[in-house]
Structures are given as C-alpha cells and as structure tokens.
Amino acid sequence: MSMEITFPGGVAVQAQAGEFTIDTDQPEAGGGNHSAPSPFVLFLGSIGTCAGFFALRFCQQRDIDATGLKLILNPERDPETRRLTKVGIRIHLPEGFPEKYRSAIIKATDQCAVKKAILDPPEFETVAV
C-alpha cells in the first residue's frame, strides 16, 4: 500500500493510507501547535499497539478474560544524542491469568510485526522526482 504525504499547514503533516488520514504535528517547542501526535509518538504507538494486539489475541484464543490486560511502553533515550536506545514493554496481566501462560504471552507479544521490521530493517530509498 502506498501512502500520500501532504502538508496541511504549519509543520503539520498528513499521511493518506487507504481510507484513513493520519495526522501529525510537532509540539509547540518544535514550531507546531500540537494538534496531533508527532510522527515519533505515532512510531512508538505503532510498537505498543502492535504488541498489545498480540497479547490480546493470545488471551482471546485461550478464552482468558482480558479485562485489566494492558501494556506500558517505556522508551529510553541516550541523554546526549536523544537517540532511542531501548523500548521496554511491561505486560500487566489480567487478574486470574494462568501462571502456566506467563512466558508464552511474552513470546506471543514479541511476534509484533512492527518490532520485527525494526529488528530486521528494510532498505530505504529516497528519490526526488
């Protein structure tokens, strides 16, 4: 699927992905009015929601009540370079979650396609036309 990237004003950027419009903006300190998440926040959100999907499906496929299931994503950055150095994901299991599945839900959550794309990165090519 290709995406069309457009610029609706200021430093806001939009991506048209099929029928969905993805809005981004920068915080005020970056020249924006913070009308939408920044692209980097969306990137982190993609990791978290992808991992969350796999955790949820794990529970659903085993008829485990997922009430209370949540993931907390904690990005860590190098203080000097501001480069992302670690992404921690904590799975808060629902009450009554079977102990025998504790390591299995971690493995399932690690199947996130976004994480896999980072671990085995694609080639990037940028051209001007």
N, C-alpha and C. Protein backbone atom coordinates (compact mmCIF):
# COMPACT_ATOMS: atom_id res chain seq x y z
N MET A 1 0.85 -1.17 0.00
CA MET A 1 0.00 0.00 0.00
C MET A 1 0.89 1.23 0.00
N SER A 2 0.66 2.10 -0.92
CA SER A 2 1.40 3.36 -0.92
C SER A 2 0.63 4.37 -0.09
N MET A 3 1.34 5.37 0.40
CA MET A 3 0.75 6.45 1.18
C MET A 3 1.11 7.76 0.53
N GLU A 4 0.17 8.67 0.52
CA GLU A 4 0.44 10.02 0.05
C GLU A 4 0.64 10.91 1.26
N ILE A 5 1.76 11.63 1.29
CA ILE A 5 2.10 12.51 2.39
C ILE A 5 1.90 13.94 1.93
N THR A 6 1.09 14.71 2.68
CA THR A 6 0.80 16.10 2.32
C THR A 6 1.00 17.00 3.53
N PHE A 7 0.96 18.30 3.28
CA PHE A 7 1.29 19.30 4.30
C PHE A 7 0.16 20.31 4.42
N PRO A 8 -0.73 20.12 5.41
CA PRO A 8 -1.91 20.97 5.51
C PRO A 8 -1.68 22.36 6.10
N GLY A 9 -0.49 22.65 6.59
CA GLY A 9 -0.19 23.96 7.13
C GLY A 9 0.72 23.89 8.34
N GLY A 10 1.45 24.97 8.56
CA GLY A 10 2.42 24.99 9.67
C GLY A 10 3.43 23.88 9.47
N VAL A 11 3.68 23.11 10.52
CA VAL A 11 4.58 21.96 10.40
C VAL A 11 3.80 20.65 10.52
N ALA A 12 2.47 20.72 10.36
CA ALA A 12 1.64 19.53 10.36
C ALA A 12 1.89 18.73 9.08
N VAL A 13 1.81 17.43 9.20
CA VAL A 13 2.00 16.53 8.06
C VAL A 13 0.90 15.48 8.13
N GLN A 14 0.33 15.14 6.98
CA GLN A 14 -0.70 14.12 6.91
C GLN A 14 -0.25 12.98 6.01
N ALA A 15 -0.67 11.78 6.38
CA ALA A 15 -0.45 10.61 5.53
C ALA A 15 -1.82 10.03 5.20
N GLN A 16 -2.07 9.84 3.92
CA GLN A 16 -3.31 9.20 3.49
C GLN A 16 -2.98 7.73 3.26
N ALA A 17 -3.54 6.86 4.08
CA ALA A 17 -3.30 5.43 4.00
C ALA A 17 -4.62 4.75 3.68
N GLY A 18 -4.87 4.53 2.42
CA GLY A 18 -6.16 3.97 2.02
C GLY A 18 -7.26 4.92 2.42
N GLU A 19 -8.21 4.45 3.18
CA GLU A 19 -9.33 5.29 3.60
C GLU A 19 -9.05 6.10 4.86
N PHE A 20 -7.86 5.94 5.43
CA PHE A 20 -7.53 6.62 6.68
C PHE A 20 -6.59 7.80 6.47
N THR A 21 -6.84 8.87 7.18
CA THR A 21 -5.93 10.01 7.20
C THR A 21 -5.23 10.01 8.56
N ILE A 22 -3.92 10.02 8.52
CA ILE A 22 -3.12 10.03 9.74
C ILE A 22 -2.54 11.42 9.89
N ASP A 23 -2.96 12.13 10.93
CA ASP A 23 -2.49 13.49 11.17
C ASP A 23 -1.32 13.48 12.13
N THR A 24 -0.32 14.31 11.85
CA THR A 24 0.79 14.52 12.78
C THR A 24 1.07 16.02 12.89
N ASP A 25 1.69 16.38 13.97
CA ASP A 25 2.12 17.77 14.20
C ASP A 25 3.30 17.70 15.15
N GLN A 26 3.90 18.82 15.40
CA GLN A 26 5.01 18.91 16.32
C GLN A 26 4.56 19.66 17.57
N PRO A 27 5.23 19.39 18.70
CA PRO A 27 4.91 20.18 19.89
C PRO A 27 5.20 21.66 19.63
N GLU A 28 4.65 22.52 20.44
CA GLU A 28 4.85 23.96 20.26
C GLU A 28 6.33 24.32 20.23
N ALA A 29 7.14 23.64 21.05
CA ALA A 29 8.58 23.92 21.06
C ALA A 29 9.23 23.62 19.72
N GLY A 30 8.62 22.74 18.92
CA GLY A 30 9.14 22.39 17.61
C GLY A 30 8.50 23.18 16.48
N GLY A 31 7.74 24.21 16.83
CA GLY A 31 7.14 25.05 15.81
C GLY A 31 5.71 24.69 15.46
N GLY A 32 5.16 23.69 16.11
CA GLY A 32 3.80 23.28 15.81
C GLY A 32 2.81 23.81 16.83
N ASN A 33 1.56 23.41 16.66
CA ASN A 33 0.56 23.79 17.65
C ASN A 33 0.05 22.56 18.38
N HIS A 34 0.71 21.46 18.18
CA HIS A 34 0.43 20.19 18.86
C HIS A 34 -1.03 19.77 18.68
N SER A 35 -1.50 19.87 17.44
CA SER A 35 -2.87 19.48 17.13
C SER A 35 -3.01 17.97 16.93
N ALA A 36 -1.90 17.26 16.87
CA ALA A 36 -1.90 15.82 16.66
C ALA A 36 -0.59 15.27 17.21
N PRO A 37 -0.48 13.97 17.37
CA PRO A 37 0.78 13.40 17.84
C PRO A 37 1.91 13.65 16.84
N SER A 38 3.13 13.68 17.35
CA SER A 38 4.27 13.79 16.46
C SER A 38 4.50 12.46 15.75
N PRO A 39 5.21 12.46 14.63
CA PRO A 39 5.50 11.19 13.96
C PRO A 39 6.20 10.18 14.87
N PHE A 40 7.08 10.66 15.75
CA PHE A 40 7.80 9.73 16.63
C PHE A 40 6.85 9.11 17.65
N VAL A 41 5.90 9.88 18.14
CA VAL A 41 4.90 9.33 19.06
C VAL A 41 4.07 8.27 18.35
N LEU A 42 3.71 8.51 17.09
CA LEU A 42 2.98 7.50 16.32
C LEU A 42 3.82 6.24 16.12
N PHE A 43 5.11 6.43 15.89
CA PHE A 43 6.03 5.29 15.76
C PHE A 43 6.00 4.43 17.03
N LEU A 44 6.14 5.08 18.18
CA LEU A 44 6.10 4.34 19.44
C LEU A 44 4.73 3.72 19.66
N GLY A 45 3.68 4.46 19.30
CA GLY A 45 2.33 3.93 19.42
C GLY A 45 2.12 2.71 18.54
N SER A 46 2.76 2.68 17.37
CA SER A 46 2.67 1.52 16.49
C SER A 46 3.28 0.29 17.15
N ILE A 47 4.39 0.47 17.82
CA ILE A 47 5.02 -0.65 18.52
C ILE A 47 4.10 -1.15 19.63
N GLY A 48 3.61 -0.22 20.45
CA GLY A 48 2.77 -0.59 21.58
C GLY A 48 1.46 -1.23 21.18
N THR A 49 0.80 -0.66 20.18
CA THR A 49 -0.49 -1.22 19.78
C THR A 49 -0.34 -2.56 19.05
N CYS A 50 0.75 -2.72 18.32
CA CYS A 50 1.01 -4.00 17.67
C CYS A 50 1.27 -5.08 18.72
N ALA A 51 2.13 -4.79 19.68
CA ALA A 51 2.40 -5.74 20.76
C ALA A 51 1.12 -6.03 21.54
N GLY A 52 0.33 -4.99 21.78
CA GLY A 52 -0.93 -5.16 22.50
C GLY A 52 -1.90 -6.07 21.77
N PHE A 53 -1.96 -5.93 20.45
CA PHE A 53 -2.82 -6.80 19.66
C PHE A 53 -2.45 -8.26 19.87
N PHE A 54 -1.15 -8.57 19.85
CA PHE A 54 -0.71 -9.95 20.02
C PHE A 54 -1.00 -10.46 21.42
N ALA A 55 -0.88 -9.61 22.44
CA ALA A 55 -1.22 -10.02 23.80
C ALA A 55 -2.72 -10.28 23.92
N LEU A 56 -3.52 -9.40 23.34
CA LEU A 56 -4.97 -9.56 23.38
C LEU A 56 -5.40 -10.84 22.67
N ARG A 57 -4.88 -11.06 21.48
CA ARG A 57 -5.25 -12.27 20.72
C ARG A 57 -4.85 -13.54 21.46
N PHE A 58 -3.69 -13.48 22.15
CA PHE A 58 -3.26 -14.63 22.94
C PHE A 58 -4.34 -15.00 23.95
N CYS A 59 -4.84 -14.00 24.65
CA CYS A 59 -5.89 -14.24 25.65
C CYS A 59 -7.17 -14.72 24.99
N GLN A 60 -7.58 -14.06 23.92
CA GLN A 60 -8.83 -14.42 23.25
C GLN A 60 -8.81 -15.85 22.73
N GLN A 61 -7.68 -16.27 22.17
CA GLN A 61 -7.58 -17.62 21.60
C GLN A 61 -7.61 -18.70 22.66
N ARG A 62 -7.37 -18.35 23.92
CA ARG A 62 -7.37 -19.31 25.02
C ARG A 62 -8.55 -19.09 25.96
N ASP A 63 -9.49 -18.26 25.53
CA ASP A 63 -10.66 -17.93 26.36
C ASP A 63 -10.27 -17.42 27.74
N ILE A 64 -9.20 -16.61 27.78
CA ILE A 64 -8.78 -15.96 29.02
C ILE A 64 -9.40 -14.58 29.04
N ASP A 65 -10.10 -14.25 30.11
CA ASP A 65 -10.71 -12.93 30.24
C ASP A 65 -9.60 -11.87 30.23
N ALA A 66 -9.65 -10.99 29.25
CA ALA A 66 -8.61 -9.96 29.09
C ALA A 66 -8.92 -8.67 29.85
N THR A 67 -9.97 -8.67 30.65
CA THR A 67 -10.31 -7.48 31.43
C THR A 67 -9.13 -7.13 32.34
N GLY A 68 -8.63 -5.91 32.21
CA GLY A 68 -7.49 -5.48 33.02
C GLY A 68 -6.15 -5.66 32.32
N LEU A 69 -6.12 -6.37 31.20
CA LEU A 69 -4.88 -6.51 30.44
C LEU A 69 -4.47 -5.15 29.91
N LYS A 70 -3.22 -4.78 30.10
CA LYS A 70 -2.70 -3.56 29.49
C LYS A 70 -1.19 -3.68 29.35
N LEU A 71 -0.66 -2.89 28.43
CA LEU A 71 0.78 -2.83 28.23
C LEU A 71 1.23 -1.41 28.51
N ILE A 72 2.39 -1.29 29.12
CA ILE A 72 3.02 0.01 29.34
C ILE A 72 4.32 0.00 28.55
N LEU A 73 4.45 0.95 27.65
CA LEU A 73 5.64 1.07 26.82
C LEU A 73 6.51 2.19 27.39
N ASN A 74 7.76 1.88 27.67
CA ASN A 74 8.70 2.85 28.22
C ASN A 74 9.91 3.00 27.30
N PRO A 75 9.92 4.06 26.49
CA PRO A 75 11.10 4.29 25.65
C PRO A 75 12.21 4.93 26.47
N GLU A 76 13.43 4.52 26.18
CA GLU A 76 14.60 5.11 26.82
C GLU A 76 15.47 5.73 25.74
N ARG A 77 16.01 6.91 26.04
CA ARG A 77 16.85 7.62 25.08
C ARG A 77 18.20 7.94 25.69
N ASP A 78 19.20 8.01 24.84
CA ASP A 78 20.52 8.47 25.26
C ASP A 78 20.38 9.97 25.57
N PRO A 79 20.77 10.41 26.76
CA PRO A 79 20.57 11.81 27.12
C PRO A 79 21.37 12.79 26.25
N GLU A 80 22.48 12.36 25.71
CA GLU A 80 23.30 13.26 24.88
C GLU A 80 22.82 13.31 23.43
N THR A 81 22.58 12.14 22.85
CA THR A 81 22.21 12.09 21.43
C THR A 81 20.70 12.11 21.21
N ARG A 82 19.93 11.86 22.24
CA ARG A 82 18.46 11.75 22.19
C ARG A 82 18.01 10.56 21.34
N ARG A 83 18.95 9.71 20.96
CA ARG A 83 18.65 8.52 20.17
C ARG A 83 17.93 7.50 21.04
N LEU A 84 16.94 6.83 20.49
CA LEU A 84 16.22 5.77 21.17
C LEU A 84 17.17 4.61 21.41
N THR A 85 17.33 4.21 22.67
CA THR A 85 18.26 3.13 22.99
C THR A 85 17.57 1.85 23.45
N LYS A 86 16.35 1.98 23.96
CA LYS A 86 15.64 0.80 24.46
C LYS A 86 14.14 1.09 24.47
N VAL A 87 13.38 0.06 24.16
CA VAL A 87 11.93 0.14 24.28
C VAL A 87 11.52 -0.98 25.23
N GLY A 88 11.11 -0.60 26.41
CA GLY A 88 10.64 -1.58 27.39
C GLY A 88 9.13 -1.72 27.30
N ILE A 89 8.66 -2.95 27.33
CA ILE A 89 7.21 -3.22 27.32
C ILE A 89 6.89 -4.07 28.54
N ARG A 90 6.01 -3.56 29.37
CA ARG A 90 5.56 -4.28 30.56
C ARG A 90 4.12 -4.71 30.32
N ILE A 91 3.91 -6.01 30.40
CA ILE A 91 2.56 -6.55 30.22
C ILE A 91 1.94 -6.69 31.61
N HIS A 92 0.87 -5.97 31.83
CA HIS A 92 0.12 -6.11 33.08
C HIS A 92 -0.99 -7.12 32.81
N LEU A 93 -0.82 -8.28 33.39
CA LEU A 93 -1.73 -9.39 33.12
C LEU A 93 -3.05 -9.21 33.86
N PRO A 94 -4.13 -9.71 33.28
CA PRO A 94 -5.42 -9.61 33.95
C PRO A 94 -5.45 -10.50 35.20
N GLU A 95 -6.31 -10.14 36.11
CA GLU A 95 -6.47 -10.92 37.34
C GLU A 95 -6.87 -12.35 36.96
N GLY A 96 -6.26 -13.32 37.61
CA GLY A 96 -6.57 -14.71 37.34
C GLY A 96 -5.87 -15.29 36.13
N PHE A 97 -4.94 -14.54 35.53
CA PHE A 97 -4.22 -15.04 34.35
C PHE A 97 -3.46 -16.30 34.75
N PRO A 98 -3.59 -17.38 33.98
CA PRO A 98 -2.92 -18.64 34.35
C PRO A 98 -1.39 -18.51 34.34
N GLU A 99 -0.78 -18.89 35.43
CA GLU A 99 0.68 -18.82 35.57
C GLU A 99 1.39 -19.61 34.47
N LYS A 100 0.80 -20.71 34.03
CA LYS A 100 1.44 -21.55 33.02
C LYS A 100 1.62 -20.84 31.68
N TYR A 101 0.89 -19.72 31.45
CA TYR A 101 0.98 -18.98 30.19
C TYR A 101 1.84 -17.72 30.28
N ARG A 102 2.44 -17.46 31.43
CA ARG A 102 3.20 -16.22 31.62
C ARG A 102 4.31 -16.05 30.56
N SER A 103 5.14 -17.03 30.36
CA SER A 103 6.22 -16.89 29.37
C SER A 103 5.67 -16.94 27.94
N ALA A 104 4.58 -17.67 27.74
CA ALA A 104 4.00 -17.79 26.41
C ALA A 104 3.41 -16.47 25.92
N ILE A 105 2.79 -15.69 26.82
CA ILE A 105 2.22 -14.40 26.37
C ILE A 105 3.34 -13.42 26.02
N ILE A 106 4.48 -13.55 26.69
CA ILE A 106 5.63 -12.71 26.34
C ILE A 106 6.11 -13.07 24.94
N LYS A 107 6.23 -14.35 24.65
CA LYS A 107 6.64 -14.79 23.31
C LYS A 107 5.64 -14.34 22.26
N ALA A 108 4.35 -14.44 22.57
CA ALA A 108 3.33 -14.03 21.62
C ALA A 108 3.42 -12.53 21.36
N THR A 109 3.59 -11.75 22.40
CA THR A 109 3.69 -10.30 22.27
C THR A 109 4.92 -9.91 21.44
N ASP A 110 5.98 -10.68 21.58
CA ASP A 110 7.20 -10.41 20.81
C ASP A 110 7.05 -10.70 19.31
N GLN A 111 5.92 -11.25 18.89
CA GLN A 111 5.69 -11.53 17.48
C GLN A 111 5.23 -10.30 16.70
N CYS A 112 5.13 -9.18 17.37
CA CYS A 112 4.68 -7.93 16.75
C CYS A 112 5.44 -7.65 15.45
N ALA A 113 4.69 -7.43 14.38
CA ALA A 113 5.28 -7.19 13.06
C ALA A 113 6.07 -5.88 13.00
N VAL A 114 5.67 -4.88 13.78
CA VAL A 114 6.40 -3.62 13.80
C VAL A 114 7.78 -3.84 14.42
N LYS A 115 7.82 -4.57 15.52
CA LYS A 115 9.10 -4.89 16.17
C LYS A 115 9.99 -5.70 15.22
N LYS A 116 9.41 -6.66 14.54
CA LYS A 116 10.19 -7.48 13.61
C LYS A 116 10.79 -6.63 12.49
N ALA A 117 10.04 -5.61 12.03
CA ALA A 117 10.55 -4.73 10.98
C ALA A 117 11.74 -3.91 11.46
N ILE A 118 11.77 -3.60 12.74
CA ILE A 118 12.90 -2.85 13.30
C ILE A 118 14.10 -3.77 13.48
N LEU A 119 13.85 -4.98 13.94
CA LEU A 119 14.95 -5.92 14.18
C LEU A 119 15.61 -6.39 12.89
N ASP A 120 14.85 -6.43 11.82
CA ASP A 120 15.38 -6.80 10.50
C ASP A 120 14.96 -5.68 9.54
N PRO A 121 15.66 -4.54 9.61
CA PRO A 121 15.17 -3.35 8.92
C PRO A 121 15.18 -3.48 7.40
N PRO A 122 14.20 -2.83 6.78
CA PRO A 122 14.16 -2.82 5.32
C PRO A 122 15.19 -1.85 4.76
N GLU A 123 15.41 -1.95 3.50
CA GLU A 123 16.25 -0.96 2.80
C GLU A 123 15.38 0.28 2.58
N PHE A 124 15.96 1.44 2.76
CA PHE A 124 15.26 2.69 2.49
C PHE A 124 15.84 3.32 1.23
N GLU A 125 14.96 3.84 0.40
CA GLU A 125 15.40 4.53 -0.82
C GLU A 125 14.56 5.80 -0.96
N THR A 126 15.22 6.92 -1.07
CA THR A 126 14.53 8.20 -1.26
C THR A 126 15.02 8.78 -2.57
N VAL A 127 14.07 9.17 -3.42
CA VAL A 127 14.41 9.79 -4.71
C VAL A 127 13.58 11.06 -4.87
N ALA A 128 14.09 12.00 -5.61
CA ALA A 128 13.34 13.21 -5.95
C ALA A 128 12.86 13.08 -7.38
N VAL A 129 11.58 13.39 -7.62
CA VAL A 129 11.03 13.28 -8.97
C VAL A 129 10.48 14.63 -9.41
